[in-house]
Amino acid sequence: MKTITSDELKKRLKYAEVVLIDVREPGEHKSECIEGAHLIPLSEICIKKLPTSLLPIVIHCRSGKRSQEACKKLLAENPNLEIYTLEGGISAWKELGGEVKTQGRNVLPLDRQVQVAVGFLAFSGVMLGTFVNSGFYVIPGFIGLGLVFAGLTGWCGMAKILAKMPWNQ
């Protein structure tokens, strides 16, 4: 899998030399996006959904993790694709002065939504276990097990559920 820097992407976008794909969720894309980026969420990315073009493809997300997953998935379908992941995602793009289009809507990135939900559930389980019934300690235990599973496999059920919530559409 190849990578591309924000500076190189700026140059290539200026001369329409690449197709840019955003693999974040619709709510994140609506909050802010790089001008001209096509939205294809990671859960939907496949060769059939890519714009028909002979240009190289650059995939981006917020920080680069989801775009790497998307590149791996697409390269598994067609190893001959000329595909790049944007180093550091839209966060690096903005840090280097890249312009983003905003629609006044502010949605937390999906990974931060997962952190808030997991933190809330773990804290609630500890408080309920301490003050109500020790059986509630199973909640933070289950959350911990889910985090271990997500870390080992790269698949996060909480992220899949949150991606389907109305504010992320």
N, C-alpha and C. Protein backbone atom coordinates (compact mmCIF):
# COMPACT_ATOMS: atom_id res chain seq x y z
N MET A 1 0.84 -1.18 0.00
CA MET A 1 0.00 0.00 0.00
C MET A 1 0.89 1.24 0.00
N LYS A 2 0.53 2.18 -0.86
CA LYS A 2 1.32 3.41 -0.97
C LYS A 2 0.70 4.51 -0.12
N THR A 3 1.54 5.47 0.29
CA THR A 3 1.04 6.63 1.03
C THR A 3 1.32 7.89 0.22
N ILE A 4 0.59 8.94 0.55
CA ILE A 4 0.78 10.24 -0.09
C ILE A 4 0.71 11.29 1.00
N THR A 5 1.54 12.32 0.90
CA THR A 5 1.52 13.40 1.89
C THR A 5 0.46 14.43 1.51
N SER A 6 0.11 15.26 2.46
CA SER A 6 -0.86 16.32 2.21
C SER A 6 -0.35 17.28 1.14
N ASP A 7 0.94 17.62 1.17
CA ASP A 7 1.51 18.52 0.17
C ASP A 7 1.40 17.94 -1.24
N GLU A 8 1.74 16.66 -1.37
CA GLU A 8 1.66 16.01 -2.68
C GLU A 8 0.20 15.92 -3.15
N LEU A 9 -0.70 15.63 -2.21
CA LEU A 9 -2.12 15.56 -2.58
C LEU A 9 -2.62 16.92 -3.07
N LYS A 10 -2.21 18.00 -2.40
CA LYS A 10 -2.62 19.34 -2.85
C LYS A 10 -2.23 19.58 -4.30
N LYS A 11 -0.99 19.23 -4.62
CA LYS A 11 -0.51 19.43 -5.99
C LYS A 11 -1.30 18.58 -6.98
N ARG A 12 -1.53 17.34 -6.62
CA ARG A 12 -2.21 16.43 -7.54
C ARG A 12 -3.70 16.77 -7.69
N LEU A 13 -4.32 17.28 -6.63
CA LEU A 13 -5.72 17.71 -6.73
C LEU A 13 -5.83 18.97 -7.60
N LYS A 14 -4.86 19.86 -7.46
CA LYS A 14 -4.86 21.11 -8.23
C LYS A 14 -4.90 20.82 -9.74
N TYR A 15 -4.22 19.78 -10.16
CA TYR A 15 -4.16 19.44 -11.57
C TYR A 15 -5.08 18.25 -11.93
N ALA A 16 -6.01 17.93 -11.03
CA ALA A 16 -6.98 16.85 -11.24
C ALA A 16 -6.30 15.55 -11.66
N GLU A 17 -5.24 15.18 -10.93
CA GLU A 17 -4.48 13.98 -11.26
C GLU A 17 -4.87 12.76 -10.41
N VAL A 18 -5.77 12.95 -9.45
CA VAL A 18 -6.20 11.85 -8.58
C VAL A 18 -7.70 11.96 -8.29
N VAL A 19 -8.26 10.85 -7.85
CA VAL A 19 -9.63 10.82 -7.34
C VAL A 19 -9.53 10.66 -5.82
N LEU A 20 -10.21 11.51 -5.07
CA LEU A 20 -10.14 11.48 -3.61
C LEU A 20 -11.40 10.85 -3.03
N ILE A 21 -11.20 9.85 -2.17
CA ILE A 21 -12.31 9.14 -1.53
C ILE A 21 -12.20 9.32 -0.01
N ASP A 22 -13.30 9.72 0.61
CA ASP A 22 -13.40 9.87 2.06
C ASP A 22 -14.13 8.65 2.60
N VAL A 23 -13.50 7.88 3.50
CA VAL A 23 -14.11 6.66 4.02
C VAL A 23 -14.69 6.84 5.43
N ARG A 24 -14.83 8.09 5.86
CA ARG A 24 -15.45 8.34 7.16
C ARG A 24 -16.97 8.16 7.04
N GLU A 25 -17.67 8.33 8.13
CA GLU A 25 -19.13 8.20 8.12
C GLU A 25 -19.76 9.48 7.57
N PRO A 26 -21.00 9.39 7.08
CA PRO A 26 -21.65 10.56 6.49
C PRO A 26 -21.69 11.79 7.40
N GLY A 27 -21.94 11.60 8.69
CA GLY A 27 -21.98 12.73 9.62
C GLY A 27 -20.64 13.43 9.73
N GLU A 28 -19.56 12.65 9.76
CA GLU A 28 -18.22 13.23 9.82
C GLU A 28 -17.92 14.01 8.54
N HIS A 29 -18.30 13.44 7.41
CA HIS A 29 -18.06 14.07 6.11
C HIS A 29 -18.84 15.38 6.01
N LYS A 30 -20.08 15.38 6.52
CA LYS A 30 -20.89 16.60 6.47
C LYS A 30 -20.30 17.69 7.37
N SER A 31 -19.67 17.29 8.48
CA SER A 31 -19.07 18.27 9.38
C SER A 31 -17.93 19.02 8.70
N GLU A 32 -17.07 18.26 8.04
CA GLU A 32 -15.96 18.86 7.30
C GLU A 32 -15.44 17.86 6.30
N CYS A 33 -15.08 18.37 5.13
CA CYS A 33 -14.52 17.49 4.11
C CYS A 33 -13.56 18.27 3.22
N ILE A 34 -12.70 17.53 2.56
CA ILE A 34 -11.79 18.11 1.58
C ILE A 34 -12.60 18.29 0.30
N GLU A 35 -12.53 19.47 -0.26
CA GLU A 35 -13.28 19.79 -1.48
C GLU A 35 -13.03 18.74 -2.56
N GLY A 36 -14.10 18.22 -3.12
CA GLY A 36 -14.00 17.26 -4.21
C GLY A 36 -13.91 15.81 -3.79
N ALA A 37 -13.89 15.55 -2.48
CA ALA A 37 -13.81 14.17 -2.01
C ALA A 37 -15.15 13.46 -2.19
N HIS A 38 -15.10 12.23 -2.68
CA HIS A 38 -16.28 11.39 -2.81
C HIS A 38 -16.43 10.60 -1.51
N LEU A 39 -17.64 10.54 -0.98
CA LEU A 39 -17.88 9.80 0.26
C LEU A 39 -18.28 8.36 -0.05
N ILE A 40 -17.47 7.43 0.46
CA ILE A 40 -17.82 6.00 0.45
C ILE A 40 -17.37 5.47 1.82
N PRO A 41 -18.30 5.37 2.79
CA PRO A 41 -17.91 4.91 4.13
C PRO A 41 -17.16 3.57 4.08
N LEU A 42 -16.27 3.38 5.02
CA LEU A 42 -15.45 2.17 5.08
C LEU A 42 -16.30 0.90 5.00
N SER A 43 -17.44 0.90 5.67
CA SER A 43 -18.29 -0.30 5.67
C SER A 43 -18.86 -0.63 4.29
N GLU A 44 -18.85 0.35 3.38
CA GLU A 44 -19.42 0.15 2.05
C GLU A 44 -18.38 0.09 0.94
N ILE A 45 -17.12 0.34 1.26
CA ILE A 45 -16.10 0.47 0.22
C ILE A 45 -15.89 -0.85 -0.53
N CYS A 46 -15.91 -0.76 -1.83
CA CYS A 46 -15.62 -1.90 -2.71
C CYS A 46 -15.33 -1.33 -4.10
N ILE A 47 -14.74 -2.13 -4.95
CA ILE A 47 -14.36 -1.70 -6.29
C ILE A 47 -15.57 -1.15 -7.05
N LYS A 48 -16.71 -1.82 -6.92
CA LYS A 48 -17.90 -1.41 -7.66
C LYS A 48 -18.37 0.00 -7.31
N LYS A 49 -18.09 0.46 -6.10
CA LYS A 49 -18.56 1.79 -5.66
C LYS A 49 -17.60 2.92 -6.04
N LEU A 50 -16.39 2.57 -6.49
CA LEU A 50 -15.41 3.60 -6.85
C LEU A 50 -15.86 4.34 -8.10
N PRO A 51 -15.56 5.66 -8.17
CA PRO A 51 -15.86 6.39 -9.40
C PRO A 51 -15.11 5.77 -10.58
N THR A 52 -15.75 5.73 -11.73
CA THR A 52 -15.09 5.17 -12.91
C THR A 52 -14.12 6.20 -13.47
N SER A 53 -12.87 5.94 -13.25
CA SER A 53 -11.81 6.84 -13.69
C SER A 53 -10.52 6.03 -13.79
N LEU A 54 -9.66 6.45 -14.67
CA LEU A 54 -8.37 5.78 -14.80
C LEU A 54 -7.31 6.45 -13.92
N LEU A 55 -7.73 7.48 -13.17
CA LEU A 55 -6.79 8.20 -12.31
C LEU A 55 -6.46 7.38 -11.06
N PRO A 56 -5.30 7.64 -10.48
CA PRO A 56 -4.97 7.02 -9.19
C PRO A 56 -6.00 7.44 -8.13
N ILE A 57 -6.18 6.60 -7.14
CA ILE A 57 -7.15 6.85 -6.07
C ILE A 57 -6.41 7.16 -4.78
N VAL A 58 -6.85 8.22 -4.10
CA VAL A 58 -6.33 8.55 -2.78
C VAL A 58 -7.49 8.41 -1.79
N ILE A 59 -7.25 7.65 -0.73
CA ILE A 59 -8.26 7.41 0.28
C ILE A 59 -7.86 8.16 1.55
N HIS A 60 -8.85 8.81 2.17
CA HIS A 60 -8.55 9.47 3.45
C HIS A 60 -9.66 9.24 4.45
N CYS A 61 -9.29 9.42 5.72
CA CYS A 61 -10.24 9.38 6.83
C CYS A 61 -9.80 10.50 7.78
N ARG A 62 -10.04 10.36 9.06
CA ARG A 62 -9.63 11.42 9.98
C ARG A 62 -8.13 11.38 10.27
N SER A 63 -7.62 10.17 10.59
CA SER A 63 -6.22 10.10 11.00
C SER A 63 -5.38 9.12 10.18
N GLY A 64 -6.00 8.30 9.37
CA GLY A 64 -5.26 7.37 8.52
C GLY A 64 -5.54 5.91 8.75
N LYS A 65 -6.13 5.55 9.88
CA LYS A 65 -6.37 4.12 10.18
C LYS A 65 -7.43 3.52 9.28
N ARG A 66 -8.58 4.18 9.16
CA ARG A 66 -9.65 3.64 8.31
C ARG A 66 -9.26 3.64 6.84
N SER A 67 -8.49 4.65 6.43
CA SER A 67 -8.07 4.68 5.02
C SER A 67 -7.13 3.52 4.71
N GLN A 68 -6.28 3.14 5.66
CA GLN A 68 -5.42 1.97 5.47
C GLN A 68 -6.25 0.70 5.34
N GLU A 69 -7.28 0.58 6.18
CA GLU A 69 -8.17 -0.59 6.09
C GLU A 69 -8.86 -0.63 4.73
N ALA A 70 -9.31 0.54 4.25
CA ALA A 70 -9.99 0.61 2.95
C ALA A 70 -9.04 0.21 1.83
N CYS A 71 -7.81 0.69 1.90
CA CYS A 71 -6.82 0.33 0.87
C CYS A 71 -6.58 -1.17 0.85
N LYS A 72 -6.42 -1.77 2.02
CA LYS A 72 -6.21 -3.22 2.10
C LYS A 72 -7.39 -3.97 1.49
N LYS A 73 -8.59 -3.52 1.81
CA LYS A 73 -9.79 -4.18 1.28
C LYS A 73 -9.85 -4.07 -0.24
N LEU A 74 -9.58 -2.88 -0.78
CA LEU A 74 -9.63 -2.68 -2.23
C LEU A 74 -8.51 -3.44 -2.94
N LEU A 75 -7.32 -3.45 -2.35
CA LEU A 75 -6.21 -4.17 -2.97
C LEU A 75 -6.44 -5.68 -2.93
N ALA A 76 -7.19 -6.15 -1.94
CA ALA A 76 -7.53 -7.58 -1.90
C ALA A 76 -8.46 -7.92 -3.07
N GLU A 77 -9.32 -6.96 -3.45
CA GLU A 77 -10.21 -7.18 -4.59
C GLU A 77 -9.47 -7.07 -5.92
N ASN A 78 -8.53 -6.11 -5.98
CA ASN A 78 -7.76 -5.90 -7.22
C ASN A 78 -6.36 -5.40 -6.86
N PRO A 79 -5.37 -6.29 -6.83
CA PRO A 79 -4.01 -5.92 -6.44
C PRO A 79 -3.34 -4.93 -7.41
N ASN A 80 -3.93 -4.72 -8.58
CA ASN A 80 -3.33 -3.82 -9.58
C ASN A 80 -3.79 -2.37 -9.46
N LEU A 81 -4.64 -2.08 -8.49
CA LEU A 81 -5.13 -0.70 -8.32
C LEU A 81 -3.97 0.23 -7.96
N GLU A 82 -3.99 1.43 -8.52
CA GLU A 82 -3.05 2.45 -8.07
C GLU A 82 -3.79 3.25 -7.00
N ILE A 83 -3.48 2.92 -5.75
CA ILE A 83 -4.23 3.46 -4.62
C ILE A 83 -3.28 3.94 -3.54
N TYR A 84 -3.63 5.06 -2.93
CA TYR A 84 -2.80 5.67 -1.89
C TYR A 84 -3.66 5.95 -0.67
N THR A 85 -3.03 5.98 0.49
CA THR A 85 -3.69 6.45 1.70
C THR A 85 -3.03 7.78 2.09
N LEU A 86 -3.86 8.74 2.48
CA LEU A 86 -3.35 10.06 2.88
C LEU A 86 -2.73 9.95 4.27
N GLU A 87 -1.44 10.22 4.36
CA GLU A 87 -0.73 10.17 5.65
C GLU A 87 -1.37 11.13 6.64
N GLY A 88 -1.81 10.61 7.78
CA GLY A 88 -2.36 11.45 8.83
C GLY A 88 -3.79 11.91 8.59
N GLY A 89 -4.38 11.53 7.46
CA GLY A 89 -5.77 11.84 7.17
C GLY A 89 -6.07 13.33 7.08
N ILE A 90 -7.36 13.65 7.27
CA ILE A 90 -7.80 15.04 7.16
C ILE A 90 -7.20 15.89 8.29
N SER A 91 -6.84 15.26 9.40
CA SER A 91 -6.19 15.99 10.50
C SER A 91 -4.85 16.57 10.04
N ALA A 92 -4.03 15.75 9.38
CA ALA A 92 -2.74 16.23 8.86
C ALA A 92 -2.96 17.24 7.75
N TRP A 93 -3.97 17.02 6.92
CA TRP A 93 -4.30 17.94 5.84
C TRP A 93 -4.56 19.34 6.41
N LYS A 94 -5.37 19.43 7.47
CA LYS A 94 -5.70 20.72 8.09
C LYS A 94 -4.47 21.33 8.77
N GLU A 95 -3.67 20.50 9.44
CA GLU A 95 -2.46 21.01 10.12
C GLU A 95 -1.50 21.68 9.14
N LEU A 96 -1.47 21.19 7.91
CA LEU A 96 -0.57 21.76 6.90
C LEU A 96 -1.25 22.85 6.07
N GLY A 97 -2.38 23.34 6.57
CA GLY A 97 -3.04 24.46 5.90
C GLY A 97 -3.99 24.09 4.79
N GLY A 98 -4.31 22.82 4.66
CA GLY A 98 -5.26 22.40 3.64
C GLY A 98 -6.66 22.90 3.98
N GLU A 99 -7.38 23.33 2.97
CA GLU A 99 -8.72 23.86 3.21
C GLU A 99 -9.73 22.72 3.32
N VAL A 100 -10.72 22.93 4.19
CA VAL A 100 -11.82 21.99 4.31
C VAL A 100 -13.13 22.75 4.18
N LYS A 101 -14.10 22.06 3.64
CA LYS A 101 -15.44 22.63 3.49
C LYS A 101 -16.24 22.18 4.71
N THR A 102 -16.91 23.12 5.38
CA THR A 102 -17.72 22.79 6.54
C THR A 102 -19.17 23.18 6.28
N GLN A 103 -20.07 22.49 6.98
CA GLN A 103 -21.48 22.81 6.84
C GLN A 103 -22.08 23.23 8.17
N GLY A 104 -21.25 23.69 9.10
CA GLY A 104 -21.73 24.17 10.38
C GLY A 104 -22.17 23.08 11.34
N ARG A 105 -22.12 21.86 10.91
CA ARG A 105 -22.51 20.73 11.73
C ARG A 105 -21.26 20.16 12.39
N ASN A 106 -21.33 19.84 13.65
CA ASN A 106 -20.14 19.34 14.33
C ASN A 106 -20.43 17.99 14.97
N VAL A 107 -19.95 16.93 14.34
CA VAL A 107 -20.13 15.56 14.83
C VAL A 107 -18.78 15.05 15.28
N LEU A 108 -18.75 14.44 16.46
CA LEU A 108 -17.50 13.83 16.93
C LEU A 108 -17.08 12.73 15.96
N PRO A 109 -15.79 12.61 15.70
CA PRO A 109 -15.32 11.49 14.88
C PRO A 109 -15.73 10.16 15.54
N LEU A 110 -15.91 9.14 14.72
CA LEU A 110 -16.42 7.86 15.19
C LEU A 110 -15.56 7.26 16.30
N ASP A 111 -14.25 7.33 16.18
CA ASP A 111 -13.40 6.74 17.21
C ASP A 111 -13.59 7.43 18.56
N ARG A 112 -13.83 8.75 18.54
CA ARG A 112 -14.06 9.46 19.80
C ARG A 112 -15.44 9.15 20.35
N GLN A 113 -16.42 8.91 19.49
CA GLN A 113 -17.75 8.48 19.96
C GLN A 113 -17.63 7.15 20.68
N VAL A 114 -16.82 6.25 20.14
CA VAL A 114 -16.60 4.95 20.77
C VAL A 114 -15.95 5.15 22.14
N GLN A 115 -14.96 6.03 22.23
CA GLN A 115 -14.29 6.27 23.51
C GLN A 115 -15.26 6.81 24.55
N VAL A 116 -16.14 7.72 24.17
CA VAL A 116 -17.12 8.29 25.10
C VAL A 116 -18.09 7.19 25.56
N ALA A 117 -18.60 6.41 24.62
CA ALA A 117 -19.57 5.35 24.96
C ALA A 117 -18.93 4.31 25.87
N VAL A 118 -17.73 3.86 25.53
CA VAL A 118 -17.05 2.84 26.33
C VAL A 118 -16.72 3.40 27.72
N GLY A 119 -16.24 4.61 27.79
CA GLY A 119 -15.94 5.22 29.08
C GLY A 119 -17.17 5.35 29.95
N PHE A 120 -18.29 5.79 29.35
CA PHE A 120 -19.54 5.93 30.09
C PHE A 120 -20.01 4.58 30.62
N LEU A 121 -19.99 3.56 29.77
CA LEU A 121 -20.44 2.23 30.20
C LEU A 121 -19.55 1.66 31.30
N ALA A 122 -18.24 1.80 31.16
CA ALA A 122 -17.32 1.28 32.18
C ALA A 122 -17.52 2.00 33.51
N PHE A 123 -17.61 3.33 33.46
CA PHE A 123 -17.81 4.12 34.68
C PHE A 123 -19.14 3.77 35.34
N SER A 124 -20.19 3.67 34.51
CA SER A 124 -21.52 3.34 35.05
C SER A 124 -21.51 1.97 35.72
N GLY A 125 -20.85 1.00 35.08
CA GLY A 125 -20.77 -0.34 35.65
C GLY A 125 -20.07 -0.36 36.99
N VAL A 126 -18.99 0.40 37.11
CA VAL A 126 -18.26 0.47 38.38
C VAL A 126 -19.12 1.14 39.45
N MET A 127 -19.77 2.24 39.11
CA MET A 127 -20.60 2.95 40.09
C MET A 127 -21.79 2.07 40.52
N LEU A 128 -22.45 1.44 39.56
CA LEU A 128 -23.59 0.58 39.90
C LEU A 128 -23.12 -0.63 40.71
N GLY A 129 -21.96 -1.18 40.35
CA GLY A 129 -21.42 -2.31 41.11
C GLY A 129 -21.06 -1.95 42.53
N THR A 130 -20.59 -0.73 42.73
CA THR A 130 -20.18 -0.27 44.06
C THR A 130 -21.38 0.09 44.93
N PHE A 131 -22.35 0.78 44.35
CA PHE A 131 -23.43 1.34 45.16
C PHE A 131 -24.77 0.61 45.06
N VAL A 132 -24.95 -0.26 44.06
CA VAL A 132 -26.25 -0.92 43.89
C VAL A 132 -26.13 -2.43 44.10
N ASN A 133 -25.37 -3.08 43.23
CA ASN A 133 -25.26 -4.54 43.30
C ASN A 133 -23.96 -4.94 42.61
N SER A 134 -23.22 -5.81 43.23
CA SER A 134 -21.91 -6.21 42.66
C SER A 134 -22.05 -6.91 41.31
N GLY A 135 -23.22 -7.38 40.96
CA GLY A 135 -23.45 -8.00 39.66
C GLY A 135 -23.20 -7.04 38.50
N PHE A 136 -23.32 -5.75 38.76
CA PHE A 136 -23.09 -4.75 37.71
C PHE A 136 -21.62 -4.67 37.29
N TYR A 137 -20.72 -5.28 38.06
CA TYR A 137 -19.30 -5.27 37.67
C TYR A 137 -19.06 -6.04 36.37
N VAL A 138 -20.04 -6.83 35.95
CA VAL A 138 -19.90 -7.53 34.68
C VAL A 138 -19.84 -6.54 33.50
N ILE A 139 -20.44 -5.36 33.64
CA ILE A 139 -20.44 -4.38 32.55
C ILE A 139 -19.02 -3.93 32.20
N PRO A 140 -18.22 -3.42 33.16
CA PRO A 140 -16.86 -3.04 32.77
C PRO A 140 -16.01 -4.23 32.33
N GLY A 141 -16.30 -5.42 32.88
CA GLY A 141 -15.59 -6.61 32.44
C GLY A 141 -15.89 -6.92 30.97
N PHE A 142 -17.15 -6.82 30.61
CA PHE A 142 -17.56 -7.05 29.23
C PHE A 142 -16.96 -6.00 28.30
N ILE A 143 -16.93 -4.76 28.75
CA ILE A 143 -16.34 -3.66 27.97
C ILE A 143 -14.84 -3.92 27.76
N GLY A 144 -14.16 -4.34 28.81
CA GLY A 144 -12.73 -4.64 28.69
C GLY A 144 -12.48 -5.77 27.70
N LEU A 145 -13.29 -6.80 27.75
CA LEU A 145 -13.17 -7.92 26.82
C LEU A 145 -13.40 -7.44 25.38
N GLY A 146 -14.39 -6.56 25.19
CA GLY A 146 -14.66 -6.00 23.87
C GLY A 146 -13.49 -5.20 23.33
N LEU A 147 -12.83 -4.45 24.22
CA LEU A 147 -11.66 -3.66 23.81
C LEU A 147 -10.50 -4.56 23.41
N VAL A 148 -10.29 -5.63 24.15
CA VAL A 148 -9.23 -6.59 23.81
C VAL A 148 -9.53 -7.21 22.44
N PHE A 149 -10.78 -7.63 22.23
CA PHE A 149 -11.18 -8.22 20.95
C PHE A 149 -10.96 -7.23 19.81
N ALA A 150 -11.39 -5.98 20.00
CA ALA A 150 -11.23 -4.95 18.96
C ALA A 150 -9.75 -4.71 18.66
N GLY A 151 -8.94 -4.69 19.71
CA GLY A 151 -7.51 -4.48 19.51
C GLY A 151 -6.83 -5.60 18.76
N LEU A 152 -7.25 -6.83 19.02
CA LEU A 152 -6.63 -7.98 18.37
C LEU A 152 -7.12 -8.21 16.95
N THR A 153 -8.39 -7.89 16.69
CA THR A 153 -8.97 -8.20 15.38
C THR A 153 -9.13 -7.00 14.46
N GLY A 154 -9.17 -5.79 15.04
CA GLY A 154 -9.44 -4.61 14.23
C GLY A 154 -10.93 -4.41 13.95
N TRP A 155 -11.79 -5.25 14.52
CA TRP A 155 -13.23 -5.15 14.33
C TRP A 155 -13.84 -4.67 15.63
N CYS A 156 -14.58 -3.56 15.57
CA CYS A 156 -15.17 -2.97 16.78
C CYS A 156 -16.68 -2.91 16.62
N GLY A 157 -17.38 -3.74 17.37
CA GLY A 157 -18.84 -3.77 17.33
C GLY A 157 -19.45 -2.45 17.73
N MET A 158 -18.88 -1.79 18.72
CA MET A 158 -19.41 -0.49 19.17
C MET A 158 -19.33 0.53 18.04
N ALA A 159 -18.23 0.53 17.29
CA ALA A 159 -18.09 1.46 16.16
C ALA A 159 -19.12 1.14 15.09
N LYS A 160 -19.37 -0.14 14.84
CA LYS A 160 -20.37 -0.53 13.84
C LYS A 160 -21.76 -0.05 14.24
N ILE A 161 -22.09 -0.17 15.51
CA ILE A 161 -23.40 0.28 16.00
C ILE A 161 -23.50 1.80 15.93
N LEU A 162 -22.48 2.50 16.43
CA LEU A 162 -22.52 3.96 16.42
C LEU A 162 -22.55 4.54 15.00
N ALA A 163 -21.92 3.86 14.05
CA ALA A 163 -21.92 4.34 12.67
C ALA A 163 -23.33 4.37 12.09
N LYS A 164 -24.23 3.55 12.62
CA LYS A 164 -25.60 3.49 12.12
C LYS A 164 -26.54 4.47 12.82
N MET A 165 -26.05 5.16 13.83
CA MET A 165 -26.90 6.10 14.55
C MET A 165 -27.28 7.30 13.68
N PRO A 166 -28.44 7.90 13.92
CA PRO A 166 -28.93 8.99 13.06
C PRO A 166 -27.97 10.17 12.94
N TRP A 167 -27.26 10.53 14.00
CA TRP A 167 -26.36 11.68 13.92
C TRP A 167 -25.14 11.41 13.04
N ASN A 168 -24.89 10.15 12.71
CA ASN A 168 -23.76 9.81 11.84
C ASN A 168 -24.20 9.62 10.39
N GLN A 169 -25.45 9.83 10.10
CA GLN A 169 -25.94 9.63 8.73
C GLN A 169 -25.94 10.93 7.94
